[in-house]
N, C-alpha and C. Protein backbone atom coordinates (compact mmCIF):
# COMPACT_ATOMS: atom_id res chain seq x y z
N MET A 1 170.06 168.81 54.47
CA MET A 1 169.60 168.36 53.92
C MET A 1 169.26 166.96 54.71
N CYS A 2 168.57 165.81 54.98
CA CYS A 2 168.73 164.85 56.12
C CYS A 2 168.20 163.85 54.92
N PHE A 3 168.89 162.99 55.28
CA PHE A 3 168.29 161.03 54.37
C PHE A 3 168.23 160.04 55.62
N TRP A 4 167.35 159.99 55.75
CA TRP A 4 166.91 158.78 56.95
C TRP A 4 166.15 158.40 56.04
N LYS A 5 166.98 156.77 56.48
CA LYS A 5 165.78 155.98 55.76
C LYS A 5 164.30 155.78 56.51
N LYS A 6 163.49 155.52 55.60
CA LYS A 6 161.93 155.31 56.21
C LYS A 6 161.94 153.63 56.29
N LYS A 7 160.92 153.96 56.93
CA LYS A 7 160.74 152.28 57.24
C LYS A 7 160.00 151.72 56.81
N VAL A 8 159.92 151.24 55.62
CA VAL A 8 158.77 150.21 54.98
C VAL A 8 157.95 149.36 55.88
N ILE A 9 157.18 149.73 56.03
CA ILE A 9 155.64 149.24 56.69
C ILE A 9 155.08 148.92 56.44
N GLY A 10 154.49 149.50 55.39
CA GLY A 10 153.21 149.05 54.53
C GLY A 10 153.58 147.63 53.74
N LYS A 11 154.43 147.92 53.47
CA LYS A 11 154.47 146.42 52.57
C LYS A 11 154.56 145.30 53.13
N THR A 12 155.38 145.19 54.57
CA THR A 12 155.23 144.37 55.39
C THR A 12 153.98 143.69 55.27
N TYR A 13 153.17 144.96 56.13
CA TYR A 13 151.62 144.64 56.66
C TYR A 13 150.62 144.33 55.44
N ILE A 14 150.84 144.66 54.29
CA ILE A 14 150.19 144.24 53.27
C ILE A 14 150.63 142.49 52.54
N GLU A 15 152.05 142.01 52.58
CA GLU A 15 152.65 140.66 52.69
C GLU A 15 151.76 139.78 53.76
N ASP A 16 152.00 140.26 55.07
CA ASP A 16 150.88 139.39 55.96
C ASP A 16 149.63 139.30 55.63
N ARG A 17 148.88 140.50 55.46
CA ARG A 17 147.75 140.52 55.15
C ARG A 17 147.11 138.97 54.26
N LYS A 18 148.15 139.36 53.10
CA LYS A 18 147.71 138.41 52.05
C LYS A 18 148.27 136.75 52.48
N LEU A 19 149.27 137.02 53.17
CA LEU A 19 149.20 135.17 53.96
C LEU A 19 148.22 135.50 54.52
N ILE A 20 148.02 136.08 55.44
CA ILE A 20 146.29 135.66 56.48
C ILE A 20 145.08 135.34 55.58
N LEU A 21 145.08 135.94 54.65
CA LEU A 21 143.92 135.42 54.08
C LEU A 21 144.19 134.36 52.98
N LEU A 22 145.05 134.24 52.37
CA LEU A 22 145.36 133.02 51.76
C LEU A 22 145.15 131.69 52.87
N CYS A 23 145.87 132.09 53.79
CA CYS A 23 145.20 131.07 55.05
C CYS A 23 143.68 130.46 55.15
N ALA A 24 142.43 131.65 55.30
CA ALA A 24 141.81 131.70 55.21
C ALA A 24 140.68 130.77 54.15
N GLN A 25 141.58 130.95 53.10
CA GLN A 25 141.17 130.98 51.52
C GLN A 25 141.02 129.04 51.66
N GLU A 26 142.83 128.53 52.49
CA GLU A 26 143.25 126.98 52.63
C GLU A 26 141.72 126.66 53.33
N ILE A 27 140.99 127.20 54.52
CA ILE A 27 140.13 126.44 55.79
C ILE A 27 139.05 126.36 54.37
N ASP A 28 138.60 127.09 53.42
CA ASP A 28 137.63 126.92 52.98
C ASP A 28 137.66 125.45 51.84
N VAL A 29 139.41 125.40 51.63
CA VAL A 29 139.17 124.22 50.91
C VAL A 29 139.05 122.69 52.07
N LEU A 30 139.80 122.92 53.36
CA LEU A 30 139.50 122.15 54.21
C LEU A 30 137.75 121.72 54.40
N ILE A 31 137.17 122.34 54.48
CA ILE A 31 135.64 122.58 54.31
C ILE A 31 134.83 121.37 53.49
N LEU A 32 135.97 121.27 52.21
CA LEU A 32 135.23 120.55 51.23
C LEU A 32 136.05 119.55 51.40
N LEU A 33 136.64 119.22 51.62
CA LEU A 33 137.73 117.94 51.87
C LEU A 33 137.37 117.23 53.03
N ASP A 34 136.08 117.72 54.27
CA ASP A 34 135.43 117.44 55.12
C ASP A 34 134.50 116.95 54.52
N LYS A 35 134.94 115.29 53.87
CA LYS A 35 133.50 114.73 53.43
C LYS A 35 132.43 114.74 54.42
N ASP A 36 132.94 114.13 55.78
CA ASP A 36 131.35 113.27 56.96
C ASP A 36 131.11 115.18 57.72
N LYS A 37 131.97 116.32 57.62
CA LYS A 37 131.41 117.10 58.33
C LYS A 37 132.01 117.31 59.51
N LYS A 38 133.08 116.36 59.84
CA LYS A 38 133.04 116.06 61.50
C LYS A 38 133.88 117.03 61.87
N PHE A 39 134.48 117.89 61.08
CA PHE A 39 134.98 119.36 61.96
C PHE A 39 134.68 120.34 61.40
N GLU A 40 133.30 120.93 60.62
CA GLU A 40 133.25 121.62 59.74
C GLU A 40 133.16 122.93 60.86
N ARG A 41 132.52 122.60 62.39
CA ARG A 41 132.30 123.97 62.93
C ARG A 41 133.55 124.07 63.04
N GLN A 42 134.91 123.53 64.28
CA GLN A 42 135.89 123.90 64.22
C GLN A 42 137.20 124.63 63.21
N LEU A 43 136.61 124.27 61.70
CA LEU A 43 137.30 125.00 61.10
C LEU A 43 136.66 125.91 60.19
N ILE A 44 135.28 126.20 60.43
CA ILE A 44 134.94 127.46 60.06
C ILE A 44 135.20 128.40 61.49
N GLU A 45 135.38 127.82 62.69
CA GLU A 45 136.30 128.56 63.82
C GLU A 45 136.86 129.35 63.80
N ILE A 46 138.51 128.33 62.66
CA ILE A 46 139.32 128.58 62.43
C ILE A 46 139.59 130.13 61.64
N LYS A 47 138.59 129.55 60.59
CA LYS A 47 138.62 130.92 59.54
C LYS A 47 138.43 132.10 59.92
N ASP A 48 137.60 132.33 61.10
CA ASP A 48 136.66 133.54 61.35
C ASP A 48 137.80 133.84 62.23
N GLU A 49 138.49 133.14 62.92
CA GLU A 49 139.71 133.86 63.96
C GLU A 49 140.48 134.07 62.76
N LEU A 50 141.11 133.69 61.65
CA LEU A 50 141.95 134.14 60.71
C LEU A 50 141.20 135.47 59.84
N LEU A 51 140.12 135.53 60.11
CA LEU A 51 139.97 136.91 59.15
C LEU A 51 139.94 138.01 60.12
N TYR A 52 139.90 138.01 60.78
CA TYR A 52 140.17 139.17 61.93
C TYR A 52 141.11 139.37 62.56
N LEU A 53 142.33 138.84 62.49
CA LEU A 53 143.56 138.81 62.80
C LEU A 53 143.93 139.94 61.76
N SER A 54 145.12 140.61 62.79
CA SER A 54 145.55 142.43 62.40
C SER A 54 147.16 141.74 61.46
N PRO A 55 146.97 142.28 60.33
CA PRO A 55 148.19 142.59 59.83
C PRO A 55 149.22 142.99 60.85
N ARG A 56 150.27 142.28 60.71
CA ARG A 56 151.57 143.17 62.01
C ARG A 56 152.63 142.94 60.90
N ASP A 57 153.78 144.01 61.23
CA ASP A 57 154.79 144.17 60.72
C ASP A 57 156.03 143.46 61.72
N ASN A 58 155.28 143.26 62.86
CA ASN A 58 156.79 142.37 63.78
C ASN A 58 157.18 140.39 62.96
N VAL A 59 158.31 140.41 63.17
CA VAL A 59 159.19 139.40 62.74
C VAL A 59 158.60 138.23 62.88
N ASP A 60 158.38 138.23 64.69
CA ASP A 60 158.06 136.99 65.23
C ASP A 60 156.45 136.79 64.92
N VAL A 61 155.41 137.89 64.41
CA VAL A 61 153.99 137.12 64.07
C VAL A 61 153.95 136.65 62.83
N CYS A 62 154.89 137.75 61.86
CA CYS A 62 155.22 137.34 60.82
C CYS A 62 155.40 135.62 60.61
N GLU A 63 156.69 134.99 61.59
CA GLU A 63 156.83 134.13 61.70
C GLU A 63 156.17 132.71 61.87
N LEU A 64 155.25 133.18 62.94
CA LEU A 64 154.16 132.62 63.31
C LEU A 64 152.77 132.45 62.56
N ASP A 65 152.94 133.17 61.56
CA ASP A 65 151.52 133.53 60.54
C ASP A 65 151.98 132.50 59.27
N GLN A 66 153.67 132.14 59.28
CA GLN A 66 153.67 131.11 58.23
C GLN A 66 153.59 129.83 58.84
N LYS A 67 154.09 129.79 60.37
CA LYS A 67 154.16 128.48 60.67
C LYS A 67 152.05 128.08 60.78
N ILE A 68 152.07 129.24 61.22
CA ILE A 68 150.01 128.77 60.68
C ILE A 68 149.95 128.04 59.38
N LYS A 69 150.37 128.82 58.60
CA LYS A 69 150.13 128.36 57.17
C LYS A 69 150.18 127.02 56.73
N ASN A 70 151.77 126.66 57.44
CA ASN A 70 152.51 125.30 57.44
C ASN A 70 151.26 124.31 58.09
N LYS A 71 150.71 124.02 58.96
CA LYS A 71 150.27 123.55 59.93
C LYS A 71 148.58 123.37 59.05
N ILE A 72 148.18 124.21 58.38
CA ILE A 72 146.86 124.37 57.71
C ILE A 72 147.13 123.20 56.14
N GLY A 73 148.29 123.51 56.05
CA GLY A 73 149.10 122.38 55.09
C GLY A 73 148.87 121.50 54.99
N ASP A 74 149.70 120.95 56.62
CA ASP A 74 149.86 119.58 56.98
C ASP A 74 148.49 118.99 57.18
N LEU A 75 147.21 119.50 57.41
CA LEU A 75 145.77 119.28 57.92
C LEU A 75 145.86 119.17 56.51
N LYS A 76 145.60 119.94 55.99
CA LYS A 76 145.42 119.67 53.93
C LYS A 76 145.94 118.22 53.49
N LEU A 77 147.11 118.17 53.56
CA LEU A 77 147.52 117.03 53.44
C LEU A 77 147.02 115.75 53.36
N VAL A 78 146.91 115.92 55.07
CA VAL A 78 146.20 114.52 55.71
C VAL A 78 144.68 114.21 55.44
N LEU A 79 143.85 115.43 55.19
CA LEU A 79 142.65 114.98 54.88
C LEU A 79 142.62 114.97 53.23
N ASN A 80 143.31 115.23 52.08
CA ASN A 80 143.44 115.17 50.99
C ASN A 80 143.71 113.82 50.65
N LYS A 81 145.26 113.54 51.02
CA LYS A 81 146.02 112.32 51.11
C LYS A 81 145.41 110.76 51.04
N TYR A 82 144.78 111.07 52.68
CA TYR A 82 144.30 109.60 53.44
C TYR A 82 143.22 109.67 53.22
N GLU A 83 142.57 108.43 52.68
CA GLU A 83 141.20 107.75 52.72
C GLU A 83 140.77 107.89 54.40
N ASN A 84 141.49 106.53 54.91
CA ASN A 84 140.96 106.31 56.33
C ASN A 84 141.99 107.42 57.01
N TRP A 85 141.72 108.55 57.25
CA TRP A 85 142.20 109.00 57.93
C TRP A 85 141.93 109.59 59.84
N ASP A 86 142.87 109.86 60.37
CA ASP A 86 142.74 109.28 62.07
C ASP A 86 142.18 110.62 62.39
N GLU A 87 141.28 110.47 63.15
CA GLU A 87 140.34 111.55 63.31
C GLU A 87 140.78 112.29 64.37
N GLU A 88 141.45 111.66 65.48
CA GLU A 88 142.28 112.07 66.89
C GLU A 88 143.94 113.04 65.67
N ASN A 89 144.45 112.50 65.20
CA ASN A 89 145.26 113.35 64.31
C ASN A 89 144.89 114.40 63.94
N VAL A 90 143.55 114.52 63.30
CA VAL A 90 143.32 115.74 62.77
C VAL A 90 142.78 116.27 63.82
N ASP A 91 142.11 116.34 64.68
CA ASP A 91 142.06 117.25 66.01
C ASP A 91 142.83 117.38 66.29
N LYS A 92 143.63 116.64 66.54
CA LYS A 92 145.03 117.46 67.36
C LYS A 92 145.70 118.40 66.24
N LEU A 93 145.70 118.54 64.87
CA LEU A 93 146.44 119.57 64.22
C LEU A 93 145.53 120.84 64.19
N ILE A 94 144.31 120.26 64.52
CA ILE A 94 143.13 121.60 64.11
C ILE A 94 143.39 122.17 65.71
N SER A 95 143.39 121.93 66.90
CA SER A 95 144.28 121.91 68.09
C SER A 95 145.44 123.14 68.02
N THR A 96 146.07 122.25 67.20
CA THR A 96 147.30 122.82 67.38
C THR A 96 147.21 124.15 66.42
N ILE A 97 146.44 124.42 65.50
CA ILE A 97 146.49 125.66 64.87
C ILE A 97 145.39 126.58 65.49
N MET A 98 144.39 126.37 66.14
CA MET A 98 144.02 127.28 67.01
C MET A 98 144.89 127.90 68.52
N VAL A 99 145.90 126.99 68.87
CA VAL A 99 146.46 127.44 69.93
C VAL A 99 147.59 128.71 69.39
N MET A 100 148.07 128.45 67.90
CA MET A 100 149.03 129.09 67.17
C MET A 100 148.36 130.29 67.10
N ILE A 101 147.49 130.03 66.17
CA ILE A 101 146.38 131.60 66.26
C ILE A 101 146.30 132.38 67.64
N LYS A 102 145.99 131.68 68.75
CA LYS A 102 145.99 132.24 70.36
C LYS A 102 147.27 132.72 70.67
N GLU A 103 148.25 132.32 70.25
CA GLU A 103 149.87 132.57 70.78
C GLU A 103 149.79 133.86 69.82
N ARG A 104 149.60 134.01 68.42
CA ARG A 104 149.80 134.86 68.05
C ARG A 104 149.34 136.26 67.97
N ASP A 105 148.00 136.06 68.51
CA ASP A 105 147.60 137.11 69.28
C ASP A 105 148.12 137.71 70.42
N ALA A 106 148.76 136.57 71.46
CA ALA A 106 149.02 137.27 72.91
C ALA A 106 150.49 138.01 72.28
N LYS A 107 151.18 137.38 71.34
CA LYS A 107 152.33 138.25 70.87
C LYS A 107 152.37 139.84 70.23
N VAL A 108 150.69 139.82 69.17
CA VAL A 108 150.95 141.01 68.88
C VAL A 108 150.16 142.21 70.15
N LEU A 109 149.75 141.28 71.43
CA LEU A 109 149.39 142.38 72.41
C LEU A 109 150.71 142.64 73.27
N LYS A 110 151.90 142.40 73.03
CA LYS A 110 152.77 142.47 73.67
C LYS A 110 153.72 143.98 72.76
């Protein structure tokens, strides 16, 4: 009888999928925090990109998903905490998030 360890992939997929969906829900909050609707189009684009990401069990991809979540948290902090936030800083954070999502797609294809 052979007792090989089974690789637990399903659990990792579920955890990564939960993280991706949590990020997409955070984008909904960011859209509400953007009172002037200056970044609404870009935020909706990020949300769409997040919703169509495939969950992975690759450690590099999971780490990048966590970094994306952290950047979304930074953006939420900027939009929520500061009344007179600098549009350039918000735009830079949004661009960084989009680049990280594209980088994640590139890692998935490897």
